[in-house]
C-alpha atoms as a PDB file:
ATOM      1  CA  MET A   1      42.950  76.161  61.080  1.00  0.00           C
ATOM      2  CA  GLY A   2      44.189  79.041  58.870  1.00  0.00           C
ATOM      3  CA  ASN A   3      47.395  79.177  60.912  1.00  0.00           C
ATOM      4  CA  LEU A   4      48.201  75.501  60.331  1.00  0.00           C
ATOM      5  CA  PHE A   5      47.521  75.870  56.616  1.00  0.00           C
ATOM      6  CA  ASP A   6      49.808  78.900  56.446  1.00  0.00           C
ATOM      7  CA  GLU A   7      52.598  77.112  58.287  1.00  0.00           C
ATOM      8  CA  SER A   8      52.486  74.127  55.934  1.00  0.00           C
ATOM      9  CA  ASN A   9      52.771  76.560  53.047  1.00  0.00           C
ATOM     10  CA  TRP A  10      55.692  78.341  54.694  1.00  0.00           C
ATOM     11  CA  GLU A  11      57.502  75.036  55.099  1.00  0.00           C
ATOM     12  CA  ALA A  12      56.923  74.149  51.444  1.00  0.00           C
ATOM     13  CA  ILE A  13      58.138  77.581  50.326  1.00  0.00           C
ATOM     14  CA  ILE A  14      61.332  77.348  52.392  1.00  0.00           C
ATOM     15  CA  GLU A  15      61.931  73.826  51.100  1.00  0.00           C
ATOM     16  CA  ALA A  16      61.543  75.061  47.513  1.00  0.00           C
ATOM     17  CA  VAL A  17      63.884  78.016  48.118  1.00  0.00           C
ATOM     18  CA  LEU A  18      66.610  75.853  49.674  1.00  0.00           C
ATOM     19  CA  PHE A  19      66.344  73.276  46.896  1.00  0.00           C
ATOM     20  CA  THR A  20      66.433  75.862  44.110  1.00  0.00           C
ATOM     21  CA  MET A  21      69.230  78.017  45.520  1.00  0.00           C
ATOM     22  CA  GLY A  22      71.557  75.099  46.194  1.00  0.00           C
ATOM     23  CA  ASN A  23      73.963  77.253  48.225  1.00  0.00           C
ATOM     24  CA  SER A  24      73.334  78.520  51.755  1.00  0.00           C
ATOM     25  CA  VAL A  25      70.438  80.961  52.184  1.00  0.00           C
ATOM     26  CA  GLU A  26      70.428  83.635  54.876  1.00  0.00           C
ATOM     27  CA  LEU A  27      67.649  83.423  57.466  1.00  0.00           C
ATOM     28  CA  SER A  28      66.531  86.923  56.471  1.00  0.00           C
ATOM     29  CA  GLN A  29      66.066  85.727  52.883  1.00  0.00           C
ATOM     30  CA  LEU A  30      63.957  82.803  54.044  1.00  0.00           C
ATOM     31  CA  ALA A  31      61.900  85.217  56.136  1.00  0.00           C
ATOM     32  CA  ALA A  32      61.365  87.426  53.084  1.00  0.00           C
ATOM     33  CA  ALA A  33      60.295  84.392  51.035  1.00  0.00           C
ATOM     34  CA  ILE A  34      57.405  83.641  53.409  1.00  0.00           C
ATOM     35  CA  ASP A  35      56.823  87.297  54.302  1.00  0.00           C
ATOM     36  CA  GLN A  36      57.340  86.647  58.013  1.00  0.00           C
ATOM     37  CA  SER A  37      59.808  87.626  60.736  1.00  0.00           C
ATOM     38  CA  ASP A  38      63.220  86.011  61.157  1.00  0.00           C
ATOM     39  CA  GLU A  39      61.906  84.295  64.312  1.00  0.00           C
ATOM     40  CA  VAL A  40      59.039  82.648  62.426  1.00  0.00           C
ATOM     41  CA  ALA A  41      61.306  81.661  59.533  1.00  0.00           C
ATOM     42  CA  LYS A  42      63.795  80.096  61.962  1.00  0.00           C
ATOM     43  CA  ARG A  43      61.023  78.101  63.651  1.00  0.00           C
ATOM     44  CA  VAL A  44      59.734  76.841  60.308  1.00  0.00           C
ATOM     45  CA  VAL A  45      63.135  75.901  58.866  1.00  0.00           C
ATOM     46  CA  GLU A  46      64.169  74.199  62.125  1.00  0.00           C
ATOM     47  CA  GLY A  47      60.906  72.228  62.071  1.00  0.00           C
ATOM     48  CA  LEU A  48      61.609  71.155  58.493  1.00  0.00           C
ATOM     49  CA  ARG A  49      65.160  70.277  59.438  1.00  0.00           C
ATOM     50  CA  GLU A  50      63.987  68.080  62.327  1.00  0.00           C
ATOM     51  CA  ARG A  51      61.437  66.333  60.097  1.00  0.00           C
ATOM     52  CA  TYR A  52      64.114  65.479  57.534  1.00  0.00           C
ATOM     53  CA  GLN A  53      66.213  64.041  60.365  1.00  0.00           C
ATOM     54  CA  ARG A  54      63.324  62.119  61.939  1.00  0.00           C
ATOM     55  CA  GLU A  55      62.254  60.557  58.651  1.00  0.00           C
ATOM     56  CA  ASN A  56      65.851  59.641  57.763  1.00  0.00           C
ATOM     57  CA  ARG A  57      65.690  61.321  54.354  1.00  0.00           C
ATOM     58  CA  GLY A  58      68.571  61.248  51.887  1.00  0.00           C
ATOM     59  CA  ILE A  59      68.540  65.048  52.049  1.00  0.00           C
ATOM     60  CA  GLN A  60      69.333  67.077  55.153  1.00  0.00           C
ATOM     61  CA  ILE A  61      69.221  70.766  56.048  1.00  0.00           C
ATOM     62  CA  ILE A  62      72.331  72.145  57.696  1.00  0.00           C
ATOM     63  CA  GLU A  63      72.901  75.472  59.458  1.00  0.00           C
ATOM     64  CA  LEU A  64      75.926  77.543  58.487  1.00  0.00           C
ATOM     65  CA  GLU A  65      76.422  80.659  60.645  1.00  0.00           C
ATOM     66  CA  GLY A  66      72.872  81.933  60.473  1.00  0.00           C
ATOM     67  CA  ALA A  67      72.202  80.535  57.015  1.00  0.00           C
ATOM     68  CA  TYR A  68      70.622  77.273  55.929  1.00  0.00           C
ATOM     69  CA  GLN A  69      71.489  74.896  53.124  1.00  0.00           C
ATOM     70  CA  MET A  70      70.037  71.709  51.709  1.00  0.00           C
ATOM     71  CA  SER A  71      72.602  68.962  51.209  1.00  0.00           C
ATOM     72  CA  THR A  72      72.953  65.217  50.778  1.00  0.00           C
ATOM     73  CA  ARG A  73      73.178  63.221  53.993  1.00  0.00           C
ATOM     74  CA  ALA A  74      76.814  62.271  54.555  1.00  0.00           C
ATOM     75  CA  ALA A  75      75.886  58.631  55.258  1.00  0.00           C
ATOM     76  CA  TYR A  76      75.038  58.188  51.563  1.00  0.00           C
ATOM     77  CA  TYR A  77      78.205  59.743  50.175  1.00  0.00           C
ATOM     78  CA  GLU A  78      79.619  56.352  49.173  1.00  0.00           C
ATOM     79  CA  ASN A  79      76.469  55.582  47.181  1.00  0.00           C
ATOM     80  CA  LEU A  80      76.792  58.883  45.326  1.00  0.00           C
ATOM     81  CA  ILE A  81      80.401  58.096  44.448  1.00  0.00           C
ATOM     82  CA  ARG A  82      79.272  54.817  42.868  1.00  0.00           C
ATOM     83  CA  VAL A  83      76.870  56.691  40.619  1.00  0.00           C
ATOM     84  CA  ALA A  84      79.417  59.382  39.744  1.00  0.00           C
ATOM     85  CA  SER A  85      82.036  56.769  38.831  1.00  0.00           C
ATOM     86  CA  VAL A  86      79.802  55.192  36.161  1.00  0.00           C
ATOM     87  CA  PRO A  87      80.909  56.696  32.847  1.00  0.00           C
ATOM     88  CA  LYS A  88      78.247  58.581  30.926  1.00  0.00           C
ATOM     89  CA  LYS A  89      77.228  57.011  27.659  1.00  0.00           C
ATOM     90  CA  HIS A  90      76.832  59.356  24.746  1.00  0.00           C
ATOM     91  CA  VAL A  91      74.906  58.195  21.721  1.00  0.00           C
ATOM     92  CA  LEU A  92      76.634  59.411  18.590  1.00  0.00           C
ATOM     93  CA  THR A  93      74.491  60.185  15.564  1.00  0.00           C
ATOM     94  CA  GLU A  94      75.609  59.334  12.040  1.00  0.00           C
ATOM     95  CA  VAL A  95      76.621  62.971  11.529  1.00  0.00           C
ATOM     96  CA  ALA A  96      78.783  62.929  14.674  1.00  0.00           C
ATOM     97  CA  LEU A  97      80.359  59.572  13.788  1.00  0.00           C
ATOM     98  CA  GLU A  98      81.103  60.769  10.271  1.00  0.00           C
ATOM     99  CA  THR A  99      82.708  63.951  11.610  1.00  0.00           C
ATOM    100  CA  LEU A 100      84.666  61.965  14.196  1.00  0.00           C
ATOM    101  CA  SER A 101      85.967  59.616  11.491  1.00  0.00           C
ATOM    102  CA  ILE A 102      87.224  62.528   9.404  1.00  0.00           C
ATOM    103  CA  ILE A 103      88.986  64.065  12.417  1.00  0.00           C
ATOM    104  CA  ALA A 104      90.528  60.709  13.354  1.00  0.00           C
ATOM    105  CA  TYR A 105      92.004  60.183   9.893  1.00  0.00           C
ATOM    106  CA  LYS A 106      92.902  63.775   9.024  1.00  0.00           C
ATOM    107  CA  GLN A 107      94.009  65.120  12.428  1.00  0.00           C
ATOM    108  CA  PRO A 108      94.956  67.752  13.195  1.00  0.00           C
ATOM    109  CA  VAL A 109      92.261  69.256  11.000  1.00  0.00           C
ATOM    110  CA  THR A 110      90.268  72.491  10.861  1.00  0.00           C
ATOM    111  CA  LYS A 111      86.482  72.796  10.838  1.00  0.00           C
ATOM    112  CA  MET A 112      86.755  74.238   7.315  1.00  0.00           C
ATOM    113  CA  GLU A 113      88.522  71.107   6.065  1.00  0.00           C
ATOM    114  CA  ILE A 114      85.992  68.856   7.808  1.00  0.00           C
ATOM    115  CA  SER A 115      83.154  70.803   6.222  1.00  0.00           C
ATOM    116  CA  ARG A 116      84.844  70.587   2.805  1.00  0.00           C
ATOM    117  CA  ILE A 117      85.013  66.802   3.050  1.00  0.00           C
ATOM    118  CA  ARG A 118      81.473  66.456   4.399  1.00  0.00           C
ATOM    119  CA  GLY A 119      79.996  69.034   2.079  1.00  0.00           C
ATOM    120  CA  VAL A 120      78.049  70.728   4.873  1.00  0.00           C
ATOM    121  CA  SER A 121      78.884  72.829   7.927  1.00  0.00           C
ATOM    122  CA  SER A 122      80.294  70.718  10.743  1.00  0.00           C
ATOM    123  CA  ASP A 123      80.548  73.324  13.514  1.00  0.00           C
ATOM    124  CA  HIS A 124      77.777  71.820  15.632  1.00  0.00           C
ATOM    125  CA  ALA A 125      79.052  68.249  15.247  1.00  0.00           C
ATOM    126  CA  VAL A 126      82.609  69.256  16.214  1.00  0.00           C
ATOM    127  CA  SER A 127      81.325  71.185  19.250  1.00  0.00           C
ATOM    128  CA  ARG A 128      79.334  68.155  20.365  1.00  0.00           C
ATOM    129  CA  LEU A 129      82.367  65.873  20.020  1.00  0.00           C
ATOM    130  CA  VAL A 130      84.435  68.320  22.098  1.00  0.00           C
ATOM    131  CA  GLU A 131      81.653  68.311  24.710  1.00  0.00           C
ATOM    132  CA  TYR A 132      81.752  64.494  24.774  1.00  0.00           C
ATOM    133  CA  GLY A 133      85.524  64.559  25.350  1.00  0.00           C
ATOM    134  CA  LEU A 134      86.270  62.675  22.120  1.00  0.00           C
ATOM    135  CA  VAL A 135      87.885  65.623  20.339  1.00  0.00           C
ATOM    136  CA  TYR A 136      89.960  68.574  21.544  1.00  0.00           C
ATOM    137  CA  GLU A 137      91.494  71.749  20.151  1.00  0.00           C
ATOM    138  CA  ALA A 138      95.069  70.725  19.413  1.00  0.00           C
ATOM    139  CA  GLY A 139      96.407  74.105  18.345  1.00  0.00           C
ATOM    140  CA  ARG A 140      96.055  76.774  15.668  1.00  0.00           C
ATOM    141  CA  LEU A 141      96.887  76.657  11.987  1.00  0.00           C
ATOM    142  CA  ASP A 142      99.519  79.174  10.910  1.00  0.00           C
ATOM    143  CA  ALA A 143      97.215  80.786   8.353  1.00  0.00           C
ATOM    144  CA  PRO A 144      94.989  83.878   8.108  1.00  0.00           C
ATOM    145  CA  GLY A 145      92.504  83.882  10.976  1.00  0.00           C
ATOM    146  CA  ARG A 146      94.550  81.162  12.727  1.00  0.00           C
ATOM    147  CA  PRO A 147      91.752  78.564  12.594  1.00  0.00           C
ATOM    148  CA  ALA A 148      91.626  75.958  15.362  1.00  0.00           C
ATOM    149  CA  LEU A 149      92.986  72.475  14.686  1.00  0.00           C
ATOM    150  CA  PHE A 150      91.095  69.495  16.089  1.00  0.00           C
ATOM    151  CA  ALA A 151      92.334  66.037  17.018  1.00  0.00           C
ATOM    152  CA  THR A 152      91.032  62.984  18.888  1.00  0.00           C
ATOM    153  CA  THR A 153      91.558  62.471  22.618  1.00  0.00           C
ATOM    154  CA  GLU A 154      92.635  59.504  24.736  1.00  0.00           C
ATOM    155  CA  GLU A 155      88.949  59.055  25.588  1.00  0.00           C
ATOM    156  CA  PHE A 156      88.322  58.439  21.867  1.00  0.00           C
ATOM    157  CA  LEU A 157      90.959  55.693  21.903  1.00  0.00           C
ATOM    158  CA  ARG A 158      89.415  54.116  25.015  1.00  0.00           C
ATOM    159  CA  ARG A 159      85.848  54.307  23.716  1.00  0.00           C
ATOM    160  CA  PHE A 160      86.748  52.667  20.415  1.00  0.00           C
ATOM    161  CA  GLY A 161      89.297  50.199  21.795  1.00  0.00           C
ATOM    162  CA  ILE A 162      92.243  51.605  19.819  1.00  0.00           C
ATOM    163  CA  GLY A 163      95.804  51.630  21.161  1.00  0.00           C
ATOM    164  CA  SER A 164      96.808  54.681  19.151  1.00  0.00           C
ATOM    165  CA  VAL A 165      95.703  56.566  16.035  1.00  0.00           C
ATOM    166  CA  THR A 166      98.276  54.561  14.069  1.00  0.00           C
ATOM    167  CA  ASP A 167      96.111  51.492  14.753  1.00  0.00           C
ATOM    168  CA  LEU A 168      93.209  52.946  12.766  1.00  0.00           C
ATOM    169  CA  PRO A 169      92.348  50.922   9.657  1.00  0.00           C
ATOM    170  CA  ILE A 170      93.970  52.427   6.573  1.00  0.00           C
ATOM    171  CA  MET A 171      91.527  54.532   4.576  1.00  0.00           C
ATOM    172  CA  ASN A 172      92.427  54.844   0.924  1.00  0.00           C
ATOM    173  CA  PRO A 173      91.400  57.756  -1.333  1.00  0.00           C
ATOM    174  CA  GLU A 174      88.505  55.690  -2.724  1.00  0.00           C
ATOM    175  CA  GLN A 175      87.031  55.297   0.775  1.00  0.00           C
ATOM    176  CA  GLU A 176      87.369  59.035   1.392  1.00  0.00           C
ATOM    177  CA  GLU A 177      85.608  59.682  -1.916  1.00  0.00           C
ATOM    178  CA  GLU A 178      82.822  57.298  -0.820  1.00  0.00           C
ATOM    179  CA  ILE A 179      82.277  59.404   2.332  1.00  0.00           C
ATOM    180  CA  ILE A 180      82.055  62.578   0.246  1.00  0.00           C
ATOM    181  CA  GLN A 181      79.620  60.966  -2.196  1.00  0.00           C
ATOM    182  CA  ALA A 182      77.460  59.587   0.631  1.00  0.00           C
ATOM    183  CA  VAL A 183      77.243  63.028   2.210  1.00  0.00           C
ATOM    184  CA  GLU A 184      76.412  64.648  -1.130  1.00  0.00           C
ATOM    185  CA  GLU A 185      73.617  62.119  -1.690  1.00  0.00           C
ATOM    186  CA  GLU A 186      72.284  62.758   1.804  1.00  0.00           C
ATOM    187  CA  LEU A 187      72.387  66.492   1.147  1.00  0.00           C
ATOM    188  CA  LYS A 188      70.516  66.101  -2.152  1.00  0.00           C
ATOM    189  CA  LEU A 189      67.829  64.065  -0.412  1.00  0.00           C
ATOM    190  CA  GLN A 190      67.440  66.737   2.263  1.00  0.00           C
ATOM    191  CA  LEU A 191      67.211  69.493  -0.337  1.00  0.00           C
ATOM    192  CA  GLY A 192      64.767  67.436  -2.328  1.00  0.00           C
ATOM    193  CA  ASP A 193      62.550  67.251   0.767  1.00  0.00           C
ATOM    194  CA  GLY A 194      62.583  71.029   0.970  1.00  0.00           C
ATOM    195  CA  ASP A 195      65.156  71.300   3.756  1.00  0.00           C
ATOM    196  CA  GLU A 196      67.012  74.236   2.216  1.00  0.00           C
ATOM    197  CA  GLY A 197      69.193  74.721   5.262  1.00  0.00           C
ATOM    198  CA  ALA A 198      70.462  71.127   5.201  1.00  0.00           C
ATOM    199  CA  SER A 199      70.466  71.285   8.975  1.00  0.00           C
ATOM    200  CA  GLU A 200      72.179  68.498  10.862  1.00  0.00           C
ATOM    201  CA  ASN A 201      70.795  66.590  13.813  1.00  0.00           C
ATOM    202  CA  THR A 202      73.486  65.855  16.328  1.00  0.00           C
END
């Protein structure tokens, strides 16, 4: 009875190792994981491999020159492509939208200029917009420190249904001043609540 219990544990351990490692794992490494010989490890991993096949799982275990790897069953490749082709939706916070608006109207623009307009540091918001593919580093300003210049991407145009940046609604100086005032009011409220760092949530 102890033997059967041990073997079920060995199978679970090998399954966990293959899943976690992602890449191929040498038989000797699998043997070390269950503290058994290569022969025992091979028997266990082959048994697990056969069970995956028998139960028609979406995951399979393949052998690659004495190593084993967990992978998706090829029959479901088309289904995976369908999922991968669905664009990811990113929810933009007010801080991110505000930062994006400033970049769209002022581009190319430095983080320092964005922060000046917003009244608070915008590093995190800009980084998040770059991560989302809405903003990119468009070059460097010819000034001390050569700060990076940021501009909007084609993805930004697609996401917001704009043909080009020239199609953006005209923002007059009064509207820009409204943005600055709104940010200052928000900052005062945060400071009034004791949030000395005026941290942003993006």
